[in-house]
Amino acid sequence: MLKNMENMMEGNNNANTVVPVTASTRLISALIDYIPMMMFMMIGNTIGMASFFESFPMHDIINSQYMGEEESLNMMKNLFSSMTGMLVPLSICMALSYIYFLSKDLFGGRSPGKRLQKLQLVRLDGSPVSYPRMILRNLFIVIWPVEIIMYLANSGQRLRDIACKTTVVAAAEEKRQPLDKQKIIISMLIISVFCTLLGILYYWSMTYLLEWYVNIMETVLQQSSVYAY
């Protein structure tokens, strides 16, 4: 009986044993996860550039050297107005890309890249990761340069894993995380609202920056005209 109890304890320990996967496997998984995000941004850039070239005649820039100060200022205003229109698809696609990235692990701790590589996100003790912790972990994308340095310096252990006390292991039936549909829906709604606000903030800040630059250039041209007289 004692031997059976020892075997049961040993089996439980093996089930909870966390064996991290190789850095190369995690790198492939991460690259796969970044593909949809890059596609969203490429679509936004393509639509934005098409909108820009449609609304702004590029020959104006070529002929700008023959323009007077007032004509140059009007050309610059048209240029930045077209750039503002370009920001709309960029902001939308940026919000969509972040919605995808922040929610990619919500379905059982397995993002598309992890599923293809047969990996799973777990706590350091092998237990399931809570939904808020998954979202917090993915928020570390905003400091991705630090993530890369930590990844190279710690044999695949990234800053997000160190801060959130998580790791990526080979997927196993005993570590399968049950799906809580209600929590997933709530998490997706929170992520969607957050990323929508982020996209609006990006659009507003870039628009404000362009308007500020136009006003500065207008002031400079007006002052130069006064000094010329």
C-alpha atoms as a PDB file:
ATOM      1  CA  MET A   1       0.000   0.000   0.000  1.00  0.00           C
ATOM      2  CA  LEU A   2       2.846   2.346   0.884  1.00  0.00           C
ATOM      3  CA  LYS A   3       4.490   1.542  -2.416  1.00  0.00           C
ATOM      4  CA  ASN A   4       1.256   2.349  -4.263  1.00  0.00           C
ATOM      5  CA  MET A   5       1.035   5.687  -2.477  1.00  0.00           C
ATOM      6  CA  GLU A   6       4.632   6.461  -3.430  1.00  0.00           C
ATOM      7  CA  ASN A   7       3.871   5.599  -7.051  1.00  0.00           C
ATOM      8  CA  MET A   8       0.819   7.866  -6.998  1.00  0.00           C
ATOM      9  CA  MET A   9       2.855  10.722  -5.535  1.00  0.00           C
ATOM     10  CA  GLU A  10       5.557  10.165  -8.108  1.00  0.00           C
ATOM     11  CA  GLY A  11       2.957  10.238 -10.869  1.00  0.00           C
ATOM     12  CA  ASN A  12       1.530  13.519  -9.586  1.00  0.00           C
ATOM     13  CA  ASN A  13       4.987  15.048  -9.407  1.00  0.00           C
ATOM     14  CA  ASN A  14       5.673  13.981 -12.983  1.00  0.00           C
ATOM     15  CA  ALA A  15       2.377  15.496 -14.094  1.00  0.00           C
ATOM     16  CA  ASN A  16       3.300  18.820 -12.480  1.00  0.00           C
ATOM     17  CA  THR A  17       6.904  18.775 -13.594  1.00  0.00           C
ATOM     18  CA  VAL A  18       7.603  21.699 -15.901  1.00  0.00           C
ATOM     19  CA  VAL A  19      10.096  20.945 -18.632  1.00  0.00           C
ATOM     20  CA  PRO A  20      10.750  24.094 -20.701  1.00  0.00           C
ATOM     21  CA  VAL A  21      11.150  23.631 -24.447  1.00  0.00           C
ATOM     22  CA  THR A  22      14.179  24.679 -26.461  1.00  0.00           C
ATOM     23  CA  ALA A  23      14.748  28.310 -27.376  1.00  0.00           C
ATOM     24  CA  SER A  24      14.623  27.539 -31.107  1.00  0.00           C
ATOM     25  CA  THR A  25      11.182  25.924 -30.780  1.00  0.00           C
ATOM     26  CA  ARG A  26       9.857  28.931 -28.890  1.00  0.00           C
ATOM     27  CA  LEU A  27      11.368  31.266 -31.477  1.00  0.00           C
ATOM     28  CA  ILE A  28       9.557  29.476 -34.311  1.00  0.00           C
ATOM     29  CA  SER A  29       6.318  29.620 -32.314  1.00  0.00           C
ATOM     30  CA  ALA A  30       6.773  33.356 -31.689  1.00  0.00           C
ATOM     31  CA  LEU A  31       7.464  34.055 -35.366  1.00  0.00           C
ATOM     32  CA  ILE A  32       4.273  32.217 -36.348  1.00  0.00           C
ATOM     33  CA  ASP A  33       2.314  34.274 -33.801  1.00  0.00           C
ATOM     34  CA  TYR A  34       3.692  37.514 -35.239  1.00  0.00           C
ATOM     35  CA  ILE A  35       2.576  36.698 -38.816  1.00  0.00           C
ATOM     36  CA  PRO A  36      -1.129  37.729 -38.364  1.00  0.00           C
ATOM     37  CA  MET A  37      -0.025  40.886 -36.562  1.00  0.00           C
ATOM     38  CA  MET A  38       2.328  41.824 -39.415  1.00  0.00           C
ATOM     39  CA  MET A  39      -0.393  41.055 -41.954  1.00  0.00           C
ATOM     40  CA  PHE A  40      -2.792  43.466 -40.233  1.00  0.00           C
ATOM     41  CA  MET A  41      -0.136  46.200 -40.331  1.00  0.00           C
ATOM     42  CA  MET A  42       0.712  45.472 -43.982  1.00  0.00           C
ATOM     43  CA  ILE A  43      -2.973  45.739 -44.921  1.00  0.00           C
ATOM     44  CA  GLY A  44      -3.239  49.033 -43.018  1.00  0.00           C
ATOM     45  CA  ASN A  45      -0.113  50.399 -44.709  1.00  0.00           C
ATOM     46  CA  THR A  46      -1.292  49.318 -48.166  1.00  0.00           C
ATOM     47  CA  ILE A  47      -4.745  50.889 -47.786  1.00  0.00           C
ATOM     48  CA  GLY A  48      -3.235  54.001 -46.199  1.00  0.00           C
ATOM     49  CA  MET A  49      -0.657  54.516 -48.950  1.00  0.00           C
ATOM     50  CA  ALA A  50      -3.288  53.938 -51.652  1.00  0.00           C
ATOM     51  CA  SER A  51      -5.494  56.562 -50.004  1.00  0.00           C
ATOM     52  CA  PHE A  52      -2.559  58.969 -49.745  1.00  0.00           C
ATOM     53  CA  PHE A  53      -1.511  58.709 -53.404  1.00  0.00           C
ATOM     54  CA  GLU A  54      -5.128  59.041 -54.504  1.00  0.00           C
ATOM     55  CA  SER A  55      -5.732  62.263 -52.560  1.00  0.00           C
ATOM     56  CA  PHE A  56      -2.357  63.976 -52.970  1.00  0.00           C
ATOM     57  CA  PRO A  57      -0.782  64.778 -56.377  1.00  0.00           C
ATOM     58  CA  MET A  58       2.877  63.813 -56.081  1.00  0.00           C
ATOM     59  CA  HIS A  59       3.874  66.161 -58.906  1.00  0.00           C
ATOM     60  CA  ASP A  60       3.233  69.047 -56.491  1.00  0.00           C
ATOM     61  CA  ILE A  61       6.313  68.015 -54.526  1.00  0.00           C
ATOM     62  CA  ILE A  62       8.378  67.889 -57.715  1.00  0.00           C
ATOM     63  CA  ASN A  63       7.203  71.379 -58.695  1.00  0.00           C
ATOM     64  CA  SER A  64       7.456  72.798 -55.162  1.00  0.00           C
ATOM     65  CA  GLN A  65      10.823  74.424 -55.916  1.00  0.00           C
ATOM     66  CA  TYR A  66       9.047  76.752 -58.375  1.00  0.00           C
ATOM     67  CA  MET A  67       6.262  77.682 -55.939  1.00  0.00           C
ATOM     68  CA  GLY A  68       5.954  80.804 -53.893  1.00  0.00           C
ATOM     69  CA  GLU A  69       5.721  80.747 -50.096  1.00  0.00           C
ATOM     70  CA  GLU A  70       1.911  80.753 -50.027  1.00  0.00           C
ATOM     71  CA  GLU A  71       1.672  78.005 -52.632  1.00  0.00           C
ATOM     72  CA  SER A  72       4.263  75.948 -50.742  1.00  0.00           C
ATOM     73  CA  LEU A  73       2.296  76.358 -47.529  1.00  0.00           C
ATOM     74  CA  ASN A  74      -0.936  75.243 -49.230  1.00  0.00           C
ATOM     75  CA  MET A  75       0.880  72.278 -50.735  1.00  0.00           C
ATOM     76  CA  MET A  76       2.183  71.342 -47.287  1.00  0.00           C
ATOM     77  CA  LYS A  77      -1.306  71.588 -45.804  1.00  0.00           C
ATOM     78  CA  ASN A  78      -2.661  69.304 -48.534  1.00  0.00           C
ATOM     79  CA  LEU A  79       0.204  66.900 -47.915  1.00  0.00           C
ATOM     80  CA  PHE A  80      -0.476  66.622 -44.194  1.00  0.00           C
ATOM     81  CA  SER A  81      -4.224  66.446 -44.791  1.00  0.00           C
ATOM     82  CA  SER A  82      -3.619  63.410 -47.012  1.00  0.00           C
ATOM     83  CA  MET A  83      -1.339  61.921 -44.362  1.00  0.00           C
ATOM     84  CA  THR A  84      -4.104  62.384 -41.788  1.00  0.00           C
ATOM     85  CA  GLY A  85      -6.450  60.377 -44.021  1.00  0.00           C
ATOM     86  CA  MET A  86      -3.792  57.691 -44.264  1.00  0.00           C
ATOM     87  CA  LEU A  87      -3.799  57.379 -40.464  1.00  0.00           C
ATOM     88  CA  VAL A  88      -7.389  56.065 -40.395  1.00  0.00           C
ATOM     89  CA  PRO A  89      -6.701  52.568 -41.836  1.00  0.00           C
ATOM     90  CA  LEU A  90      -3.381  52.457 -39.983  1.00  0.00           C
ATOM     91  CA  SER A  91      -5.089  53.118 -36.635  1.00  0.00           C
ATOM     92  CA  ILE A  92      -7.835  50.554 -37.309  1.00  0.00           C
ATOM     93  CA  CYS A  93      -5.405  47.818 -38.360  1.00  0.00           C
ATOM     94  CA  MET A  94      -3.111  48.609 -35.442  1.00  0.00           C
ATOM     95  CA  ALA A  95      -6.037  48.157 -33.037  1.00  0.00           C
ATOM     96  CA  LEU A  96      -6.985  44.851 -34.717  1.00  0.00           C
ATOM     97  CA  SER A  97      -3.402  43.584 -34.560  1.00  0.00           C
ATOM     98  CA  TYR A  98      -3.187  44.301 -30.832  1.00  0.00           C
ATOM     99  CA  ILE A  99      -6.580  42.694 -30.203  1.00  0.00           C
ATOM    100  CA  TYR A 100      -5.251  39.544 -31.847  1.00  0.00           C
ATOM    101  CA  PHE A 101      -1.935  39.593 -30.003  1.00  0.00           C
ATOM    102  CA  LEU A 102      -3.325  40.245 -26.529  1.00  0.00           C
ATOM    103  CA  SER A 103      -5.954  37.512 -26.908  1.00  0.00           C
ATOM    104  CA  LYS A 104      -3.875  34.883 -28.732  1.00  0.00           C
ATOM    105  CA  ASP A 105      -3.276  32.740 -25.617  1.00  0.00           C
ATOM    106  CA  LEU A 106      -6.789  32.900 -24.154  1.00  0.00           C
ATOM    107  CA  PHE A 107      -7.876  29.616 -25.720  1.00  0.00           C
ATOM    108  CA  GLY A 108      -6.256  27.123 -23.398  1.00  0.00           C
ATOM    109  CA  GLY A 109      -2.910  28.913 -23.182  1.00  0.00           C
ATOM    110  CA  ARG A 110      -2.177  27.927 -26.769  1.00  0.00           C
ATOM    111  CA  SER A 111      -1.702  30.586 -29.428  1.00  0.00           C
ATOM    112  CA  PRO A 112      -1.652  29.633 -33.142  1.00  0.00           C
ATOM    113  CA  GLY A 113       2.126  29.310 -33.029  1.00  0.00           C
ATOM    114  CA  LYS A 114       2.032  27.204 -29.868  1.00  0.00           C
ATOM    115  CA  ARG A 115      -0.596  24.886 -31.346  1.00  0.00           C
ATOM    116  CA  LEU A 116       1.449  24.297 -34.484  1.00  0.00           C
ATOM    117  CA  GLN A 117       4.548  23.623 -32.385  1.00  0.00           C
ATOM    118  CA  LYS A 118       2.558  21.562 -29.831  1.00  0.00           C
ATOM    119  CA  LEU A 119       3.364  23.918 -26.972  1.00  0.00           C
ATOM    120  CA  GLN A 120       1.365  25.341 -24.085  1.00  0.00           C
ATOM    121  CA  LEU A 121       1.621  28.259 -21.678  1.00  0.00           C
ATOM    122  CA  VAL A 122       1.566  27.281 -17.980  1.00  0.00           C
ATOM    123  CA  ARG A 123       2.567  28.619 -14.567  1.00  0.00           C
ATOM    124  CA  LEU A 124       5.996  27.683 -13.259  1.00  0.00           C
ATOM    125  CA  ASP A 125       4.414  24.945 -11.142  1.00  0.00           C
ATOM    126  CA  GLY A 126       2.590  23.520 -14.174  1.00  0.00           C
ATOM    127  CA  SER A 127      -0.841  24.881 -13.212  1.00  0.00           C
ATOM    128  CA  PRO A 128      -3.095  26.767 -15.696  1.00  0.00           C
ATOM    129  CA  VAL A 129      -2.508  30.471 -16.297  1.00  0.00           C
ATOM    130  CA  SER A 130      -5.343  32.851 -15.427  1.00  0.00           C
ATOM    131  CA  TYR A 131      -6.799  35.021 -18.187  1.00  0.00           C
ATOM    132  CA  PRO A 132      -5.663  38.361 -16.652  1.00  0.00           C
ATOM    133  CA  ARG A 133      -2.136  36.954 -16.341  1.00  0.00           C
ATOM    134  CA  MET A 134      -2.189  35.897 -20.024  1.00  0.00           C
ATOM    135  CA  ILE A 135      -3.215  39.401 -21.082  1.00  0.00           C
ATOM    136  CA  LEU A 136      -0.630  41.040 -18.817  1.00  0.00           C
ATOM    137  CA  ARG A 137       2.055  38.741 -20.210  1.00  0.00           C
ATOM    138  CA  ASN A 138       1.249  39.707 -23.794  1.00  0.00           C
ATOM    139  CA  LEU A 139       1.263  43.419 -22.925  1.00  0.00           C
ATOM    140  CA  PHE A 140       5.046  43.179 -22.700  1.00  0.00           C
ATOM    141  CA  ILE A 141       5.098  43.513 -26.495  1.00  0.00           C
ATOM    142  CA  VAL A 142       5.345  47.290 -25.961  1.00  0.00           C
ATOM    143  CA  ILE A 143       8.928  46.785 -24.752  1.00  0.00           C
ATOM    144  CA  TRP A 144       9.878  44.205 -27.382  1.00  0.00           C
ATOM    145  CA  PRO A 145      13.555  45.344 -27.621  1.00  0.00           C
ATOM    146  CA  VAL A 146      14.025  44.439 -23.943  1.00  0.00           C
ATOM    147  CA  GLU A 147      12.200  41.165 -24.618  1.00  0.00           C
ATOM    148  CA  ILE A 148      14.683  40.241 -27.348  1.00  0.00           C
ATOM    149  CA  ILE A 149      17.673  41.016 -25.122  1.00  0.00           C
ATOM    150  CA  MET A 150      16.230  38.967 -22.264  1.00  0.00           C
ATOM    151  CA  TYR A 151      15.427  36.129 -24.671  1.00  0.00           C
ATOM    152  CA  LEU A 152      19.014  35.956 -25.920  1.00  0.00           C
ATOM    153  CA  ALA A 153      20.528  36.381 -22.462  1.00  0.00           C
ATOM    154  CA  ASN A 154      18.336  33.830 -20.657  1.00  0.00           C
ATOM    155  CA  SER A 155      18.189  30.926 -23.100  1.00  0.00           C
ATOM    156  CA  GLY A 156      14.655  31.617 -24.256  1.00  0.00           C
ATOM    157  CA  GLN A 157      13.254  32.900 -20.933  1.00  0.00           C
ATOM    158  CA  ARG A 158      11.686  36.236 -21.758  1.00  0.00           C
ATOM    159  CA  LEU A 159      10.935  39.164 -19.469  1.00  0.00           C
ATOM    160  CA  ARG A 160       7.185  38.502 -19.719  1.00  0.00           C
ATOM    161  CA  ASP A 161       7.691  34.965 -18.384  1.00  0.00           C
ATOM    162  CA  ILE A 162       9.931  36.151 -15.555  1.00  0.00           C
ATOM    163  CA  ALA A 163       7.498  38.906 -14.502  1.00  0.00           C
ATOM    164  CA  CYS A 164       4.355  36.762 -14.788  1.00  0.00           C
ATOM    165  CA  LYS A 165       5.987  33.558 -13.482  1.00  0.00           C
ATOM    166  CA  THR A 166       5.012  31.572 -16.556  1.00  0.00           C
ATOM    167  CA  THR A 167       6.782  29.313 -18.994  1.00  0.00           C
ATOM    168  CA  VAL A 168       6.097  27.466 -22.226  1.00  0.00           C
ATOM    169  CA  VAL A 169       6.192  23.670 -22.167  1.00  0.00           C
ATOM    170  CA  ALA A 170       5.343  20.807 -24.477  1.00  0.00           C
ATOM    171  CA  ALA A 171       1.566  20.376 -24.622  1.00  0.00           C
ATOM    172  CA  ALA A 172       0.294  17.431 -22.581  1.00  0.00           C
ATOM    173  CA  GLU A 173      -3.164  16.086 -21.848  1.00  0.00           C
ATOM    174  CA  GLU A 174      -2.746  16.470 -18.077  1.00  0.00           C
ATOM    175  CA  LYS A 175      -1.842  20.156 -18.532  1.00  0.00           C
ATOM    176  CA  ARG A 176      -4.778  20.925 -20.831  1.00  0.00           C
ATOM    177  CA  GLN A 177      -6.512  24.063 -19.596  1.00  0.00           C
ATOM    178  CA  PRO A 178     -10.336  23.974 -19.613  1.00  0.00           C
ATOM    179  CA  LEU A 179     -11.997  26.758 -21.583  1.00  0.00           C
ATOM    180  CA  ASP A 180     -14.208  29.144 -19.630  1.00  0.00           C
ATOM    181  CA  LYS A 181     -16.318  30.724 -22.391  1.00  0.00           C
ATOM    182  CA  GLN A 182     -17.735  33.441 -20.156  1.00  0.00           C
ATOM    183  CA  LYS A 183     -14.296  34.580 -18.985  1.00  0.00           C
ATOM    184  CA  ILE A 184     -12.951  34.416 -22.546  1.00  0.00           C
ATOM    185  CA  ILE A 185     -15.795  36.645 -23.816  1.00  0.00           C
ATOM    186  CA  ILE A 186     -15.275  39.142 -20.976  1.00  0.00           C
ATOM    187  CA  SER A 187     -11.516  39.158 -21.595  1.00  0.00           C
ATOM    188  CA  MET A 188     -12.053  39.703 -25.331  1.00  0.00           C
ATOM    189  CA  LEU A 189     -14.408  42.617 -24.645  1.00  0.00           C
ATOM    190  CA  ILE A 190     -11.900  44.253 -22.295  1.00  0.00           C
ATOM    191  CA  ILE A 191      -9.101  43.761 -24.826  1.00  0.00           C
ATOM    192  CA  SER A 192     -11.246  45.151 -27.662  1.00  0.00           C
ATOM    193  CA  VAL A 193     -12.159  48.290 -25.702  1.00  0.00           C
ATOM    194  CA  PHE A 194      -8.545  48.821 -24.630  1.00  0.00           C
ATOM    195  CA  CYS A 195      -7.149  48.386 -28.155  1.00  0.00           C
ATOM    196  CA  THR A 196      -9.856  50.590 -29.684  1.00  0.00           C
ATOM    197  CA  LEU A 197      -8.929  53.370 -27.261  1.00  0.00           C
ATOM    198  CA  LEU A 198      -5.279  52.765 -28.111  1.00  0.00           C
ATOM    199  CA  GLY A 199      -6.029  53.150 -31.836  1.00  0.00           C
ATOM    200  CA  ILE A 200      -7.997  56.353 -31.202  1.00  0.00           C
ATOM    201  CA  LEU A 201      -5.152  57.725 -29.075  1.00  0.00           C
ATOM    202  CA  TYR A 202      -2.644  56.904 -31.824  1.00  0.00           C
ATOM    203  CA  TYR A 203      -4.780  58.638 -34.467  1.00  0.00           C
ATOM    204  CA  TRP A 204      -5.400  61.681 -32.276  1.00  0.00           C
ATOM    205  CA  SER A 205      -1.745  62.084 -31.250  1.00  0.00           C
ATOM    206  CA  MET A 206      -0.413  61.737 -34.818  1.00  0.00           C
ATOM    207  CA  THR A 207      -3.063  64.145 -36.148  1.00  0.00           C
ATOM    208  CA  TYR A 208      -2.195  66.651 -33.436  1.00  0.00           C
ATOM    209  CA  LEU A 209       1.507  66.305 -34.264  1.00  0.00           C
ATOM    210  CA  LEU A 210       0.899  66.957 -37.970  1.00  0.00           C
ATOM    211  CA  GLU A 211      -1.286  69.995 -37.244  1.00  0.00           C
ATOM    212  CA  TRP A 212       1.331  71.316 -34.833  1.00  0.00           C
ATOM    213  CA  TYR A 213       4.032  70.967 -37.480  1.00  0.00           C
ATOM    214  CA  VAL A 214       1.924  72.781 -40.104  1.00  0.00           C
ATOM    215  CA  ASN A 215       1.270  75.638 -37.667  1.00  0.00           C
ATOM    216  CA  ILE A 216       4.990  75.904 -36.910  1.00  0.00           C
ATOM    217  CA  MET A 217       5.858  76.031 -40.617  1.00  0.00           C
ATOM    218  CA  GLU A 218       3.125  78.612 -41.240  1.00  0.00           C
ATOM    219  CA  THR A 219       4.502  80.810 -38.458  1.00  0.00           C
ATOM    220  CA  VAL A 220       8.049  80.489 -39.813  1.00  0.00           C
ATOM    221  CA  LEU A 221       6.951  81.427 -43.342  1.00  0.00           C
ATOM    222  CA  GLN A 222       4.969  84.410 -42.068  1.00  0.00           C
ATOM    223  CA  GLN A 223       7.934  85.667 -40.054  1.00  0.00           C
ATOM    224  CA  SER A 224      10.286  85.221 -42.999  1.00  0.00           C
ATOM    225  CA  SER A 225       7.876  87.240 -45.164  1.00  0.00           C
ATOM    226  CA  VAL A 226       7.838  90.063 -42.598  1.00  0.00           C
ATOM    227  CA  TYR A 227      11.646  90.150 -42.431  1.00  0.00           C
ATOM    228  CA  ALA A 228      11.826  90.108 -46.232  1.00  0.00           C
ATOM    229  CA  TYR A 229       9.898  93.384 -46.345  1.00  0.00           C
END
